[in-house]
Amino acid sequence: MATNTGTTLGMSKNYNENSSKQLAVINSMKPYIYLDIDHLNISPTSSRFIIADFGSSHGHNSIQAIKIII
C-alpha cells in the first residue's frame, strides 16, 4: 500500500510558522520537566528506561520536549 506524504511534507514551513504558541508552552514547562527528572528513581545501572513521544507533528516542535529529557 503506497503512502502519499506530499500534503504532509508540504506543510512543514506553515507548521513551523504557526506553532510558536505550542513552543512557548513547551519552553514554559521546562522547569517542571527538569524537576520531575530529578525525582525519578533511576541510575545508570537501572533496567531500561523508555521514553515515548506520541506526538504526530513533523515540524520543529515535534522533538523539543524529548530533547530536554534525553
PDB file of N, CA and C in Angstrom:
ATOM      1  N   MET A   1       0.839  -1.168   0.000  1.00  0.00           N
ATOM      2  CA  MET A   1       0.000   0.000   0.000  1.00  0.00           C
ATOM      3  C   MET A   1       0.890   1.238   0.000  1.00  0.00           C
ATOM      4  N   ALA A   2       0.728   2.092  -0.962  1.00  0.00           N
ATOM      5  CA  ALA A   2       1.535   3.308  -1.069  1.00  0.00           C
ATOM      6  C   ALA A   2       0.997   4.386  -0.138  1.00  0.00           C
ATOM      7  N   THR A   3       1.912   5.172   0.398  1.00  0.00           N
ATOM      8  CA  THR A   3       1.531   6.270   1.279  1.00  0.00           C
ATOM      9  C   THR A   3       1.828   7.584   0.586  1.00  0.00           C
ATOM     10  N   ASN A   4       0.841   8.461   0.542  1.00  0.00           N
ATOM     11  CA  ASN A   4       1.025   9.771  -0.071  1.00  0.00           C
ATOM     12  C   ASN A   4       1.388  10.766   1.022  1.00  0.00           C
ATOM     13  N   THR A   5       2.638  11.207   1.046  1.00  0.00           N
ATOM     14  CA  THR A   5       3.086  12.153   2.072  1.00  0.00           C
ATOM     15  C   THR A   5       3.226  13.564   1.527  1.00  0.00           C
ATOM     16  N   GLY A   6       2.845  13.782   0.281  1.00  0.00           N
ATOM     17  CA  GLY A   6       3.028  15.094  -0.334  1.00  0.00           C
ATOM     18  C   GLY A   6       2.390  16.229   0.436  1.00  0.00           C
ATOM     19  N   THR A   7       1.152  16.044   0.894  1.00  0.00           N
ATOM     20  CA  THR A   7       0.494  17.125   1.621  1.00  0.00           C
ATOM     21  C   THR A   7       1.122  17.327   2.984  1.00  0.00           C
ATOM     22  N   THR A   8       1.548  16.266   3.622  1.00  0.00           N
ATOM     23  CA  THR A   8       2.175  16.394   4.935  1.00  0.00           C
ATOM     24  C   THR A   8       3.529  17.080   4.825  1.00  0.00           C
ATOM     25  N   LEU A   9       4.340  16.634   3.894  1.00  0.00           N
ATOM     26  CA  LEU A   9       5.671  17.216   3.754  1.00  0.00           C
ATOM     27  C   LEU A   9       5.595  18.684   3.370  1.00  0.00           C
ATOM     28  N   GLY A  10       4.613  19.054   2.583  1.00  0.00           N
ATOM     29  CA  GLY A  10       4.463  20.435   2.152  1.00  0.00           C
ATOM     30  C   GLY A  10       4.032  21.374   3.262  1.00  0.00           C
ATOM     31  N   MET A  11       3.556  20.844   4.385  1.00  0.00           N
ATOM     32  CA  MET A  11       3.061  21.670   5.480  1.00  0.00           C
ATOM     33  C   MET A  11       4.168  22.120   6.424  1.00  0.00           C
ATOM     34  N   SER A  12       5.356  21.621   6.282  1.00  0.00           N
ATOM     35  CA  SER A  12       6.414  21.872   7.256  1.00  0.00           C
ATOM     36  C   SER A  12       6.647  23.356   7.507  1.00  0.00           C
ATOM     37  N   LYS A  13       6.789  24.139   6.466  1.00  0.00           N
ATOM     38  CA  LYS A  13       7.051  25.567   6.639  1.00  0.00           C
ATOM     39  C   LYS A  13       5.891  26.236   7.367  1.00  0.00           C
ATOM     40  N   ASN A  14       4.655  25.984   6.922  1.00  0.00           N
ATOM     41  CA  ASN A  14       3.498  26.589   7.574  1.00  0.00           C
ATOM     42  C   ASN A  14       3.372  26.123   9.011  1.00  0.00           C
ATOM     43  N   TYR A  15       3.626  24.863   9.258  1.00  0.00           N
ATOM     44  CA  TYR A  15       3.525  24.348  10.621  1.00  0.00           C
ATOM     45  C   TYR A  15       4.491  25.097  11.526  1.00  0.00           C
ATOM     46  N   ASN A  16       5.721  25.209  11.110  1.00  0.00           N
ATOM     47  CA  ASN A  16       6.720  25.886  11.938  1.00  0.00           C
ATOM     48  C   ASN A  16       6.354  27.348  12.175  1.00  0.00           C
ATOM     49  N   GLU A  17       5.794  27.999  11.171  1.00  0.00           N
ATOM     50  CA  GLU A  17       5.406  29.399  11.320  1.00  0.00           C
ATOM     51  C   GLU A  17       4.234  29.556  12.281  1.00  0.00           C
ATOM     52  N   ASN A  18       3.342  28.572  12.327  1.00  0.00           N
ATOM     53  CA  ASN A  18       2.116  28.685  13.118  1.00  0.00           C
ATOM     54  C   ASN A  18       2.178  27.979  14.465  1.00  0.00           C
ATOM     55  N   SER A  19       3.312  27.471  14.847  1.00  0.00           N
ATOM     56  CA  SER A  19       3.381  26.676  16.076  1.00  0.00           C
ATOM     57  C   SER A  19       4.143  27.369  17.203  1.00  0.00           C
ATOM     58  N   SER A  20       4.301  28.657  17.119  1.00  0.00           N
ATOM     59  CA  SER A  20       5.062  29.369  18.152  1.00  0.00           C
ATOM     60  C   SER A  20       4.391  29.285  19.520  1.00  0.00           C
ATOM     61  N   LYS A  21       3.058  29.229  19.560  1.00  0.00           N
ATOM     62  CA  LYS A  21       2.369  29.128  20.856  1.00  0.00           C
ATOM     63  C   LYS A  21       2.645  27.779  21.517  1.00  0.00           C
ATOM     64  N   GLN A  22       2.663  26.722  20.722  1.00  0.00           N
ATOM     65  CA  GLN A  22       2.979  25.405  21.277  1.00  0.00           C
ATOM     66  C   GLN A  22       4.408  25.381  21.806  1.00  0.00           C
ATOM     67  N   LEU A  23       5.331  25.975  21.077  1.00  0.00           N
ATOM     68  CA  LEU A  23       6.725  26.017  21.524  1.00  0.00           C
ATOM     69  C   LEU A  23       6.853  26.830  22.814  1.00  0.00           C
ATOM     70  N   ALA A  24       6.077  27.898  22.934  1.00  0.00           N
ATOM     71  CA  ALA A  24       6.102  28.699  24.160  1.00  0.00           C
ATOM     72  C   ALA A  24       5.649  27.869  25.358  1.00  0.00           C
ATOM     73  N   VAL A  25       4.648  27.013  25.164  1.00  0.00           N
ATOM     74  CA  VAL A  25       4.185  26.148  26.253  1.00  0.00           C
ATOM     75  C   VAL A  25       5.269  25.143  26.626  1.00  0.00           C
ATOM     76  N   ILE A  26       5.894  24.546  25.622  1.00  0.00           N
ATOM     77  CA  ILE A  26       6.979  23.600  25.892  1.00  0.00           C
ATOM     78  C   ILE A  26       8.077  24.291  26.698  1.00  0.00           C
ATOM     79  N   ASN A  27       8.464  25.471  26.261  1.00  0.00           N
ATOM     80  CA  ASN A  27       9.526  26.200  26.963  1.00  0.00           C
ATOM     81  C   ASN A  27       9.117  26.582  28.379  1.00  0.00           C
ATOM     82  N   SER A  28       7.852  26.923  28.583  1.00  0.00           N
ATOM     83  CA  SER A  28       7.400  27.290  29.931  1.00  0.00           C
ATOM     84  C   SER A  28       7.344  26.082  30.860  1.00  0.00           C
ATOM     85  N   MET A  29       7.275  24.880  30.300  1.00  0.00           N
ATOM     86  CA  MET A  29       7.204  23.661  31.105  1.00  0.00           C
ATOM     87  C   MET A  29       8.579  23.091  31.446  1.00  0.00           C
ATOM     88  N   LYS A  30       9.644  23.642  30.897  1.00  0.00           N
ATOM     89  CA  LYS A  30      10.990  23.116  31.141  1.00  0.00           C
ATOM     90  C   LYS A  30      11.322  22.962  32.622  1.00  0.00           C
ATOM     91  N   PRO A  31      11.053  23.957  33.469  1.00  0.00           N
ATOM     92  CA  PRO A  31      11.387  23.779  34.891  1.00  0.00           C
ATOM     93  C   PRO A  31      10.686  22.566  35.511  1.00  0.00           C
ATOM     94  N   TYR A  32       9.449  22.314  35.101  1.00  0.00           N
ATOM     95  CA  TYR A  32       8.702  21.179  35.646  1.00  0.00           C
ATOM     96  C   TYR A  32       9.253  19.852  35.130  1.00  0.00           C
ATOM     97  N   ILE A  33       9.678  19.848  33.875  1.00  0.00           N
ATOM     98  CA  ILE A  33      10.277  18.633  33.316  1.00  0.00           C
ATOM     99  C   ILE A  33      11.565  18.310  34.068  1.00  0.00           C
ATOM    100  N   TYR A  34      12.417  19.320  34.260  1.00  0.00           N
ATOM    101  CA  TYR A  34      13.668  19.097  34.997  1.00  0.00           C
ATOM    102  C   TYR A  34      13.399  18.650  36.429  1.00  0.00           C
ATOM    103  N   LEU A  35      12.415  19.244  37.075  1.00  0.00           N
ATOM    104  CA  LEU A  35      12.062  18.873  38.446  1.00  0.00           C
ATOM    105  C   LEU A  35      11.628  17.413  38.520  1.00  0.00           C
ATOM    106  N   ASP A  36      10.780  17.004  37.584  1.00  0.00           N
ATOM    107  CA  ASP A  36      10.325  15.611  37.582  1.00  0.00           C
ATOM    108  C   ASP A  36      11.455  14.639  37.261  1.00  0.00           C
ATOM    109  N   ILE A  37      12.355  15.023  36.388  1.00  0.00           N
ATOM    110  CA  ILE A  37      13.503  14.164  36.082  1.00  0.00           C
ATOM    111  C   ILE A  37      14.343  13.957  37.341  1.00  0.00           C
ATOM    112  N   ASP A  38      14.522  15.017  38.115  1.00  0.00           N
ATOM    113  CA  ASP A  38      15.296  14.909  39.358  1.00  0.00           C
ATOM    114  C   ASP A  38      14.650  13.962  40.363  1.00  0.00           C
ATOM    115  N   HIS A  39      13.342  13.791  40.278  1.00  0.00           N
ATOM    116  CA  HIS A  39      12.630  12.928  41.219  1.00  0.00           C
ATOM    117  C   HIS A  39      12.501  11.479  40.738  1.00  0.00           C
ATOM    118  N   LEU A  40      12.967  11.192  39.538  1.00  0.00           N
ATOM    119  CA  LEU A  40      12.918   9.811  39.052  1.00  0.00           C
ATOM    120  C   LEU A  40      13.913   8.958  39.822  1.00  0.00           C
ATOM    121  N   ASN A  41      13.537   7.750  40.087  1.00  0.00           N
ATOM    122  CA  ASN A  41      14.404   6.826  40.814  1.00  0.00           C
ATOM    123  C   ASN A  41      15.107   5.911  39.810  1.00  0.00           C
ATOM    124  N   ILE A  42      16.055   6.493  39.077  1.00  0.00           N
ATOM    125  CA  ILE A  42      16.798   5.707  38.090  1.00  0.00           C
ATOM    126  C   ILE A  42      18.288   5.940  38.299  1.00  0.00           C
ATOM    127  N   SER A  43      19.063   4.989  37.845  1.00  0.00           N
ATOM    128  CA  SER A  43      20.512   5.111  37.906  1.00  0.00           C
ATOM    129  C   SER A  43      21.087   4.475  36.651  1.00  0.00           C
ATOM    130  N   PRO A  44      22.368   4.708  36.389  1.00  0.00           N
ATOM    131  CA  PRO A  44      22.973   4.110  35.196  1.00  0.00           C
ATOM    132  C   PRO A  44      22.871   2.588  35.169  1.00  0.00           C
ATOM    133  N   THR A  45      22.726   1.970  36.328  1.00  0.00           N
ATOM    134  CA  THR A  45      22.620   0.511  36.362  1.00  0.00           C
ATOM    135  C   THR A  45      21.169   0.038  36.373  1.00  0.00           C
ATOM    136  N   SER A  46      20.224   0.973  36.320  1.00  0.00           N
ATOM    137  CA  SER A  46      18.813   0.593  36.285  1.00  0.00           C
ATOM    138  C   SER A  46      18.505  -0.152  34.996  1.00  0.00           C
ATOM    139  N   SER A  47      17.397  -0.854  35.022  1.00  0.00           N
ATOM    140  CA  SER A  47      16.970  -1.506  33.790  1.00  0.00           C
ATOM    141  C   SER A  47      16.572  -0.438  32.773  1.00  0.00           C
ATOM    142  N   ARG A  48      16.226  -0.865  31.630  1.00  0.00           N
ATOM    143  CA  ARG A  48      15.938   0.027  30.517  1.00  0.00           C
ATOM    144  C   ARG A  48      14.902   1.090  30.891  1.00  0.00           C
ATOM    145  N   PHE A  49      15.121   2.318  30.433  1.00  0.00           N
ATOM    146  CA  PHE A  49      14.208   3.439  30.643  1.00  0.00           C
ATOM    147  C   PHE A  49      13.706   3.860  29.274  1.00  0.00           C
ATOM    148  N   ILE A  50      12.413   3.772  29.054  1.00  0.00           N
ATOM    149  CA  ILE A  50      11.837   4.031  27.734  1.00  0.00           C
ATOM    150  C   ILE A  50      11.141   5.382  27.732  1.00  0.00           C
ATOM    151  N   ILE A  51      11.419   6.167  26.711  1.00  0.00           N
ATOM    152  CA  ILE A  51      10.765   7.453  26.505  1.00  0.00           C
ATOM    153  C   ILE A  51       9.977   7.344  25.209  1.00  0.00           C
ATOM    154  N   ALA A  52       8.699   7.677  25.250  1.00  0.00           N
ATOM    155  CA  ALA A  52       7.862   7.627  24.052  1.00  0.00           C
ATOM    156  C   ALA A  52       7.319   9.013  23.751  1.00  0.00           C
ATOM    157  N   ASP A  53       7.473   9.447  22.522  1.00  0.00           N
ATOM    158  CA  ASP A  53       6.894  10.707  22.063  1.00  0.00           C
ATOM    159  C   ASP A  53       5.732  10.346  21.159  1.00  0.00           C
ATOM    160  N   PHE A  54       4.519  10.554  21.638  1.00  0.00           N
ATOM    161  CA  PHE A  54       3.342  10.181  20.872  1.00  0.00           C
ATOM    162  C   PHE A  54       2.796  11.333  20.041  1.00  0.00           C
ATOM    163  N   GLY A  55       3.587  12.364  19.854  1.00  0.00           N
ATOM    164  CA  GLY A  55       3.163  13.475  19.007  1.00  0.00           C
ATOM    165  C   GLY A  55       3.078  13.039  17.560  1.00  0.00           C
ATOM    166  N   SER A  56       2.306  13.752  16.806  1.00  0.00           N
ATOM    167  CA  SER A  56       2.147  13.393  15.399  1.00  0.00           C
ATOM    168  C   SER A  56       2.709  14.462  14.476  1.00  0.00           C
ATOM    169  N   SER A  57       3.389  15.410  15.027  1.00  0.00           N
ATOM    170  CA  SER A  57       3.884  16.510  14.228  1.00  0.00           C
ATOM    171  C   SER A  57       5.215  16.177  13.569  1.00  0.00           C
ATOM    172  N   HIS A  58       5.420  16.733  12.422  1.00  0.00           N
ATOM    173  CA  HIS A  58       6.693  16.559  11.723  1.00  0.00           C
ATOM    174  C   HIS A  58       7.500  17.849  11.752  1.00  0.00           C
ATOM    175  N   GLY A  59       6.991  18.875  12.391  1.00  0.00           N
ATOM    176  CA  GLY A  59       7.641  20.177  12.396  1.00  0.00           C
ATOM    177  C   GLY A  59       8.643  20.351  13.518  1.00  0.00           C
ATOM    178  N   HIS A  60       9.052  21.572  13.704  1.00  0.00           N
ATOM    179  CA  HIS A  60      10.114  21.942  14.645  1.00  0.00           C
ATOM    180  C   HIS A  60       9.811  21.530  16.081  1.00  0.00           C
ATOM    181  N   ASN A  61       8.557  21.601  16.507  1.00  0.00           N
ATOM    182  CA  ASN A  61       8.210  21.315  17.900  1.00  0.00           C
ATOM    183  C   ASN A  61       8.161  19.835  18.227  1.00  0.00           C
ATOM    184  N   SER A  62       8.213  18.985  17.241  1.00  0.00           N
ATOM    185  CA  SER A  62       7.940  17.566  17.472  1.00  0.00           C
ATOM    186  C   SER A  62       8.910  16.896  18.438  1.00  0.00           C
ATOM    187  N   ILE A  63      10.096  17.416  18.626  1.00  0.00           N
ATOM    188  CA  ILE A  63      11.084  16.737  19.461  1.00  0.00           C
ATOM    189  C   ILE A  63      11.605  17.619  20.598  1.00  0.00           C
ATOM    190  N   GLN A  64      11.100  18.815  20.755  1.00  0.00           N
ATOM    191  CA  GLN A  64      11.650  19.756  21.732  1.00  0.00           C
ATOM    192  C   GLN A  64      11.615  19.228  23.165  1.00  0.00           C
ATOM    193  N   ALA A  65      10.482  18.709  23.620  1.00  0.00           N
ATOM    194  CA  ALA A  65      10.399  18.200  24.996  1.00  0.00           C
ATOM    195  C   ALA A  65      11.275  16.969  25.178  1.00  0.00           C
ATOM    196  N   ILE A  66      11.339  16.117  24.172  1.00  0.00           N
ATOM    197  CA  ILE A  66      12.166  14.911  24.258  1.00  0.00           C
ATOM    198  C   ILE A  66      13.642  15.289  24.358  1.00  0.00           C
ATOM    199  N   LYS A  67      14.068  16.326  23.648  1.00  0.00           N
ATOM    200  CA  LYS A  67      15.461  16.770  23.737  1.00  0.00           C
ATOM    201  C   LYS A  67      15.816  17.169  25.161  1.00  0.00           C
ATOM    202  N   ILE A  68      14.877  17.761  25.882  1.00  0.00           N
ATOM    203  CA  ILE A  68      15.118  18.142  27.274  1.00  0.00           C
ATOM    204  C   ILE A  68      15.329  16.890  28.120  1.00  0.00           C
ATOM    205  N   ILE A  69      14.492  15.898  27.909  1.00  0.00           N
ATOM    206  CA  ILE A  69      14.528  14.680  28.715  1.00  0.00           C
ATOM    207  C   ILE A  69      15.804  13.888  28.462  1.00  0.00           C
ATOM    208  N   ILE A  70      16.186  13.777  27.212  1.00  0.00           N
ATOM    209  CA  ILE A  70      17.371  12.988  26.872  1.00  0.00           C
ATOM    210  C   ILE A  70      18.605  13.733  27.323  1.00  0.00           C
TER     211      ILE A  70
END
